[in-house]
Protein backbone atom coordinates (compact mmCIF):
# COMPACT_ATOMS: atom_id res chain seq x y z
CA GLY A 1 -20.88 142.84 -195.35
CA PRO A 2 -17.74 144.61 -196.61
CA GLU A 3 -17.78 146.89 -193.57
CA LEU A 4 -16.75 143.90 -191.43
CA LEU A 5 -13.56 143.27 -193.42
CA GLY A 6 -10.63 143.46 -191.04
CA ASN A 7 -12.84 143.76 -187.99
CA THR A 8 -10.99 142.88 -184.78
CA MET A 9 -13.64 140.35 -183.81
CA PHE A 10 -12.04 137.89 -186.25
CA TRP A 11 -8.83 138.13 -184.19
CA LYS A 12 -10.53 137.97 -180.82
CA TYR A 13 -13.06 135.22 -181.55
CA TYR A 14 -11.44 133.23 -184.34
CA GLU A 15 -12.55 130.00 -182.66
CA ASP A 16 -16.18 130.96 -183.33
CA ILE A 17 -15.69 131.19 -187.11
CA ASN A 18 -17.79 128.62 -188.93
CA PRO A 19 -15.35 126.44 -190.97
CA LYS A 20 -17.77 125.97 -193.83
CA TYR A 21 -17.53 129.69 -194.70
CA VAL A 22 -13.74 129.65 -194.76
CA PHE A 23 -13.62 127.70 -198.04
CA LYS A 24 -15.81 130.16 -199.95
CA CYS A 25 -13.79 132.97 -201.50
CA SER A 26 -16.72 135.38 -201.48
CA THR A 27 -17.43 135.19 -197.75
CA ILE A 28 -16.30 137.82 -195.27
CA GLU A 29 -14.71 135.07 -193.15
CA TYR A 30 -12.40 133.99 -195.96
CA ARG A 31 -11.45 137.53 -196.92
CA SER A 32 -10.75 138.50 -193.29
CA LEU A 33 -8.59 135.44 -192.68
CA LYS A 34 -6.69 136.17 -195.91
CA LEU A 35 -6.09 139.75 -194.72
CA MET A 36 -4.94 138.43 -191.32
CA LEU A 37 -2.46 136.13 -193.09
CA PHE A 38 -0.97 138.98 -195.09
CA GLU A 39 -0.75 141.14 -191.96
CA THR A 40 1.07 138.35 -190.13
CA ILE A 41 3.54 137.92 -193.00
CA PHE A 42 4.13 141.70 -193.09
CA TYR A 43 4.80 141.95 -189.36
CA VAL A 44 7.16 138.97 -189.43
CA MET A 45 9.11 140.55 -192.29
CA LEU A 46 9.17 143.91 -190.50
CA LEU A 47 10.44 142.24 -187.33
CA GLY A 48 13.17 140.50 -189.34
CA VAL A 49 14.29 143.75 -190.96
CA LEU A 50 14.38 145.60 -187.63
CA THR A 51 16.25 142.75 -185.95
CA GLY A 52 18.81 142.71 -188.76
CA TYR A 53 19.23 146.47 -188.56
CA ILE A 54 19.75 146.43 -184.80
CA ASP A 55 22.20 143.55 -185.08
CA ALA A 56 24.16 145.40 -187.78
CA CYS A 57 24.23 148.60 -185.72
CA ARG A 58 24.94 147.08 -182.33
CA GLY A 59 26.57 143.78 -183.15
CA SER A 60 29.56 142.18 -181.49
CA MET A 61 32.02 144.20 -183.58
CA THR A 62 30.34 147.43 -182.49
CA TYR A 63 30.48 146.32 -178.87
CA TYR A 64 34.18 145.47 -178.98
CA THR A 65 35.01 148.68 -180.87
CA THR A 66 33.14 150.73 -178.27
CA LYS A 67 34.82 148.90 -175.38
CA ALA A 68 38.28 149.27 -176.92
CA GLY A 69 37.71 152.98 -177.48
CA ARG A 70 36.49 153.52 -173.92
CA ASP A 71 39.46 151.68 -172.37
CA PHE A 72 41.97 153.42 -174.65
CA TRP A 73 40.84 157.00 -174.07
CA ARG A 74 40.24 156.48 -170.37
CA ILE A 75 43.86 155.22 -170.36
CA CYS A 76 43.17 151.98 -168.50
CA ASP A 77 45.76 149.33 -167.69
CA ALA A 78 45.38 145.54 -167.61
CA ASN A 79 43.87 145.74 -164.12
CA SER A 80 41.13 148.16 -165.30
CA VAL A 81 42.69 151.03 -163.36
CA CYS A 82 42.04 154.16 -165.43
CA ALA A 83 43.96 157.42 -165.34
CA ILE A 84 40.81 159.47 -165.91
CA ASP A 85 39.45 158.30 -162.56
CA GLU A 86 42.37 160.08 -160.86
CA VAL A 87 41.11 163.49 -162.03
CA ASN A 88 39.78 165.15 -158.88
CA ASP A 89 40.92 168.79 -159.11
CA GLU A 90 42.08 171.39 -161.63
CA ALA A 91 45.76 170.40 -161.35
CA SER A 92 45.05 166.72 -162.00
CA PHE A 93 42.76 167.69 -164.90
CA TRP A 94 45.53 169.60 -166.65
CA GLN A 95 48.00 166.82 -165.89
CA PHE A 96 45.68 164.26 -167.48
CA ILE A 97 45.03 166.40 -170.57
CA ARG A 98 48.58 167.61 -171.19
CA GLN A 99 50.70 164.63 -170.14
CA GLN A 100 48.47 161.65 -170.89
CA PHE A 101 45.53 162.39 -173.21
CA ILE A 102 46.96 164.75 -175.83
CA PRO A 103 50.18 162.70 -176.39
CA LEU A 104 47.93 159.76 -177.37
CA THR A 105 46.71 161.79 -180.35
CA PHE A 106 50.31 162.17 -181.54
CA SER A 107 51.34 158.53 -181.13
CA ASP A 108 52.56 158.22 -184.74
CA ARG A 109 54.09 161.64 -185.44
CA GLN A 110 54.87 164.81 -183.52
CA GLU A 111 53.42 167.06 -186.22
CA TYR A 112 50.92 166.71 -189.07
CA GLU A 113 50.31 168.77 -192.18
CA PRO A 114 46.83 170.27 -192.56
CA VAL A 115 44.68 168.93 -195.38
CA LEU A 116 44.07 172.53 -196.44
CA ASP A 117 45.63 175.81 -195.37
CA LEU A 118 42.49 177.01 -193.62
CA ALA A 119 41.74 179.30 -190.68
CA VAL A 120 38.49 179.80 -188.77
CA ASP A 121 37.33 183.35 -188.12
CA TRP A 122 35.70 182.79 -184.72
CA GLU A 123 33.92 186.13 -184.84
CA SER A 124 31.87 185.24 -187.92
CA GLY A 125 32.29 181.46 -187.99
CA VAL A 126 33.60 181.69 -191.56
CA VAL A 127 36.35 179.34 -192.74
CA LYS A 128 39.00 181.26 -194.67
CA TYR A 129 41.79 180.06 -196.93
CA GLY A 130 45.35 180.82 -195.90
CA ALA A 131 47.81 182.78 -197.95
CA LYS A 132 49.36 179.76 -199.65
CA ALA A 133 46.23 177.63 -199.92
CA ASN A 134 48.25 174.42 -199.75
CA THR A 135 46.25 171.33 -200.59
CA ILE A 136 46.68 167.58 -200.94
CA TYR A 137 44.08 167.40 -203.69
CA GLU A 138 46.09 169.14 -206.42
CA LEU A 139 49.55 168.17 -207.60
CA ASN A 140 51.58 171.32 -208.03
CA GLU A 141 54.54 173.12 -206.46
CA MET A 142 52.44 173.94 -203.38
CA SER A 143 51.21 170.38 -202.74
CA VAL A 144 51.81 168.98 -199.28
CA VAL A 145 52.43 165.40 -198.17
CA TRP A 146 49.53 164.05 -196.18
CA HIS A 147 49.91 161.41 -193.49
CA PRO A 148 46.98 159.59 -191.88
CA ARG A 149 46.87 160.39 -188.18
CA TYR A 150 47.09 156.93 -186.65
CA ILE A 151 46.09 156.41 -183.05
CA GLY A 152 47.87 153.76 -180.98
CA ASP A 153 50.71 151.39 -181.76
CA SER A 154 48.61 148.99 -183.82
CA LYS A 155 47.70 151.72 -186.37
CA THR A 156 44.16 150.44 -186.70
CA ASN A 157 42.42 153.74 -185.91
CA ILE A 158 42.76 157.07 -187.70
CA LEU A 159 41.86 160.37 -186.08
CA LEU A 160 39.29 162.33 -188.09
CA GLY A 161 39.57 166.10 -187.79
CA ASN A 162 40.82 167.91 -184.73
CA VAL A 163 40.52 167.28 -181.03
CA ARG A 164 38.32 169.94 -179.44
CA LEU A 165 38.03 171.19 -175.87
CA ARG A 166 34.85 173.09 -175.06
CA GLN A 167 34.05 174.79 -171.78
CA LEU A 168 30.72 175.92 -170.31
CA ARG A 169 30.55 178.48 -167.51
CA MET A 170 28.03 180.05 -165.14
CA ARG A 171 27.36 183.71 -164.41
CA ASN A 172 28.30 185.14 -161.04
CA LYS A 173 25.61 185.11 -158.32
CA THR A 174 23.17 182.92 -160.22
CA ASP A 175 21.28 180.18 -158.37
CA CYS A 176 23.36 180.84 -155.25
CA ILE A 177 23.26 183.23 -152.30
CA ILE A 178 26.26 184.47 -150.32
CA GLY A 179 25.52 184.58 -146.62
CA GLU A 180 25.87 187.93 -144.87
CA VAL A 181 28.68 186.56 -142.71
CA PHE A 182 30.76 185.73 -145.78
CA GLN A 183 30.03 188.78 -147.94
CA GLN A 184 33.07 190.54 -146.51
CA VAL A 185 35.23 187.58 -147.60
CA THR A 186 33.99 187.13 -151.18
CA ASN A 187 31.39 188.52 -153.54
CA GLU A 188 31.44 185.62 -155.99
CA CYS A 189 29.35 182.47 -156.06
CA PHE A 190 28.43 180.17 -158.93
CA GLY A 191 25.52 177.77 -158.75
CA PRO A 192 24.78 174.54 -160.66
CA PHE A 193 24.86 174.75 -164.43
CA SER A 194 21.81 176.03 -166.25
CA ALA A 195 21.80 176.64 -169.99
CA ASP A 196 19.73 179.84 -169.76
CA LYS A 197 22.04 181.26 -167.07
CA GLN A 198 25.39 180.28 -168.56
CA SER A 199 28.08 182.91 -168.91
CA ARG A 200 28.66 184.36 -172.38
CA LYS A 201 31.12 187.00 -171.22
CA SER A 202 34.70 187.03 -172.51
CA TYR A 203 37.10 186.71 -169.60
CA ASP A 204 40.59 186.92 -171.06
CA GLU A 205 43.03 189.04 -169.09
CA ARG A 206 45.03 191.99 -170.38
CA TRP A 207 48.21 190.05 -171.11
CA THR A 208 46.61 186.81 -172.28
CA PRO A 209 48.78 185.37 -175.10
CA THR A 210 47.43 186.11 -178.56
CA GLN A 211 47.46 182.46 -179.66
CA VAL A 212 44.76 181.54 -177.09
CA GLU A 213 42.73 184.76 -176.89
CA HIS A 214 39.90 183.26 -178.93
CA CYS A 215 39.51 180.47 -176.33
CA TYR A 216 38.13 183.02 -173.87
CA THR A 217 35.29 184.10 -176.17
CA TRP A 218 31.89 182.40 -176.11
CA HIS A 219 30.45 180.95 -179.31
CA PRO A 220 26.91 179.68 -179.99
CA SER A 221 26.20 176.15 -181.14
CA ASN A 222 25.65 177.21 -184.77
CA ILE A 223 29.30 178.34 -184.81
CA THR A 224 30.80 175.45 -182.83
CA ASP A 225 28.67 172.83 -184.66
CA GLN A 226 28.49 170.88 -181.39
CA VAL A 227 25.49 169.04 -179.93
CA ASP A 228 24.03 168.74 -176.44
CA VAL A 229 25.75 166.49 -173.94
CA TYR A 230 23.96 164.93 -170.99
CA GLY A 231 25.71 164.74 -167.61
CA SER A 232 24.87 164.24 -163.97
CA GLY A 233 25.02 168.01 -163.47
CA GLY A 234 22.51 168.79 -166.20
CA LEU A 235 22.20 169.19 -169.96
CA TYR A 236 25.18 170.95 -171.52
CA PRO A 237 24.34 172.64 -174.87
CA GLY A 238 26.64 172.92 -177.87
CA ASP A 239 27.66 176.48 -176.97
CA GLY A 240 30.82 177.36 -175.14
CA PHE A 241 34.42 178.53 -175.11
CA VAL A 242 36.33 176.48 -177.67
CA MET A 243 39.93 175.37 -178.11
CA ASP A 244 40.90 173.25 -181.14
CA VAL A 245 44.11 171.32 -180.48
CA PRO A 246 46.78 172.22 -183.10
CA LEU A 247 48.37 169.64 -185.39
CA SER A 248 51.75 169.99 -183.68
CA LEU A 249 52.39 168.38 -180.29
CA ALA A 250 54.75 171.18 -179.25
CA GLU A 251 52.27 173.87 -180.27
CA ALA A 252 49.42 172.00 -178.61
CA ASP A 253 51.28 171.76 -175.31
CA SER A 254 52.27 175.43 -175.57
CA GLN A 255 48.65 176.53 -175.98
CA LEU A 256 47.42 174.21 -173.22
CA SER A 257 50.14 175.56 -170.95
CA ASP A 258 48.96 179.11 -171.68
CA LEU A 259 45.36 178.13 -170.92
CA GLN A 260 46.44 176.65 -167.60
CA THR A 261 48.61 179.65 -166.71
CA TRP A 262 45.99 182.22 -167.69
CA HIS A 263 43.14 180.51 -165.84
CA TRP A 264 40.99 179.25 -168.68
CA ILE A 265 39.41 177.06 -165.99
CA ASP A 266 38.32 178.84 -162.82
CA GLN A 267 35.51 178.83 -160.26
CA ALA A 268 32.93 179.70 -162.93
CA THR A 269 33.69 176.55 -164.95
CA ARG A 270 30.96 173.92 -164.84
CA ALA A 271 31.96 171.54 -167.64
CA VAL A 272 34.80 170.82 -170.05
CA ILE A 273 33.99 168.50 -172.94
CA VAL A 274 36.78 166.87 -174.93
CA GLU A 275 35.53 165.47 -178.23
CA LEU A 276 37.16 163.62 -181.14
CA ASN A 277 36.30 161.07 -183.85
CA THR A 278 38.24 158.06 -185.10
CA LEU A 279 37.89 155.71 -188.06
CA ASN A 280 38.78 152.02 -188.09
CA PRO A 281 39.01 151.06 -191.80
CA ASN A 282 39.46 147.36 -190.94
CA VAL A 283 35.88 147.08 -189.73
CA ASN A 284 34.48 150.22 -191.43
CA MET A 285 33.46 151.86 -188.17
CA ILE A 286 33.57 155.46 -186.97
CA THR A 287 33.77 156.10 -183.24
CA ASN A 288 32.75 159.33 -181.54
CA ILE A 289 34.46 159.89 -178.18
CA ARG A 290 33.36 162.48 -175.63
CA LEU A 291 35.10 162.98 -172.32
CA LEU A 292 32.90 165.05 -170.02
CA PHE A 293 34.50 166.68 -166.99
CA GLU A 294 31.86 168.22 -164.73
CA PHE A 295 33.09 170.85 -162.26
CA LEU A 296 30.35 170.67 -159.64
CA PRO A 297 29.58 173.58 -157.26
CA SER A 298 30.82 171.43 -154.36
CA GLY A 299 34.32 171.47 -155.88
CA GLN A 300 34.16 167.86 -157.05
CA ILE A 301 35.17 166.92 -160.59
CA ARG A 302 33.20 164.07 -162.11
CA ALA A 303 34.55 162.49 -165.31
CA THR A 304 32.31 160.59 -167.73
CA THR A 305 33.32 158.83 -170.95
CA ASN A 306 30.79 158.48 -173.78
CA VAL A 307 31.84 156.32 -176.73
CA PHE A 308 29.52 155.68 -179.67
CA ALA A 309 30.64 153.45 -182.56
CA PHE A 310 28.67 152.91 -185.76
CA ARG A 311 29.27 151.44 -189.19
CA THR A 312 30.06 153.76 -192.06
CA ILE A 313 27.49 152.02 -194.28
CA TRP A 314 24.77 153.88 -192.39
CA LEU A 315 26.23 157.23 -193.42
CA SER A 316 25.13 159.20 -196.46
CA LEU A 317 27.18 161.80 -198.31
CA SER A 318 26.33 165.41 -197.66
CA VAL A 319 24.53 167.18 -200.51
CA MET A 320 25.68 170.60 -199.35
């Protein structure tokens, strides 16, 4: 009867089907075999579409773009010796960031004009226009000359947006206990990172330079627009203490020098995430790069590089 149409017994025991019923269009055997044929064709087509999608997303060009990005930002030489692997303490971290990493983002010019004269109010998260409201989109007496921010000597990659440093910290005396013997020596201890016990307290000092004061204030993920990052020390949320690298190399080094001098990184630091995005117009691929520096409670610094490349054809324009 019709209730047997598509029954799994036709798949399991197809060898028991009587051939004489297969040639009659009104029989349940014929109708079930016809349904099985259509299902097979559908699954083959679905498998082909999924295979094509995966190949387009993770093809050879994606692999080589990802590998090139990882080697470039880890600053590796021909012998696969990478500068990032030499980061083992706070001094070597700042040396890597200031003397090796940041200069790579200014390989074409020492200073770039902003696309718009904008400023971020970190208290409210609102983007405000500057006094002059210079723009590259309108030709008038206030128009500015825009230069693509090429990365590397080959000029095949363009930096999209700013480079951002984001720090996550732990509260004092959380997930750690100071022994009685050592309580006379110190009253501070900071355990492994935990998102629900992270520090949200501003920690700038009295004479902290004004240009970096906002870097010592915590911001939630809906203000930073950052996502979670997985590391060996735990899951690091999109919150944190943020520093956006300026568009001038001299100004960038000045602010980074102030952060180093005024202890932006200290014993409470558990992770610093450096994030940027690049575009390769030759192969229509955008690459997201995240350098994760984990400051473990043991004093060890563990550096991890996450590079994700994808084709721009999979992107859709924002409707907002």
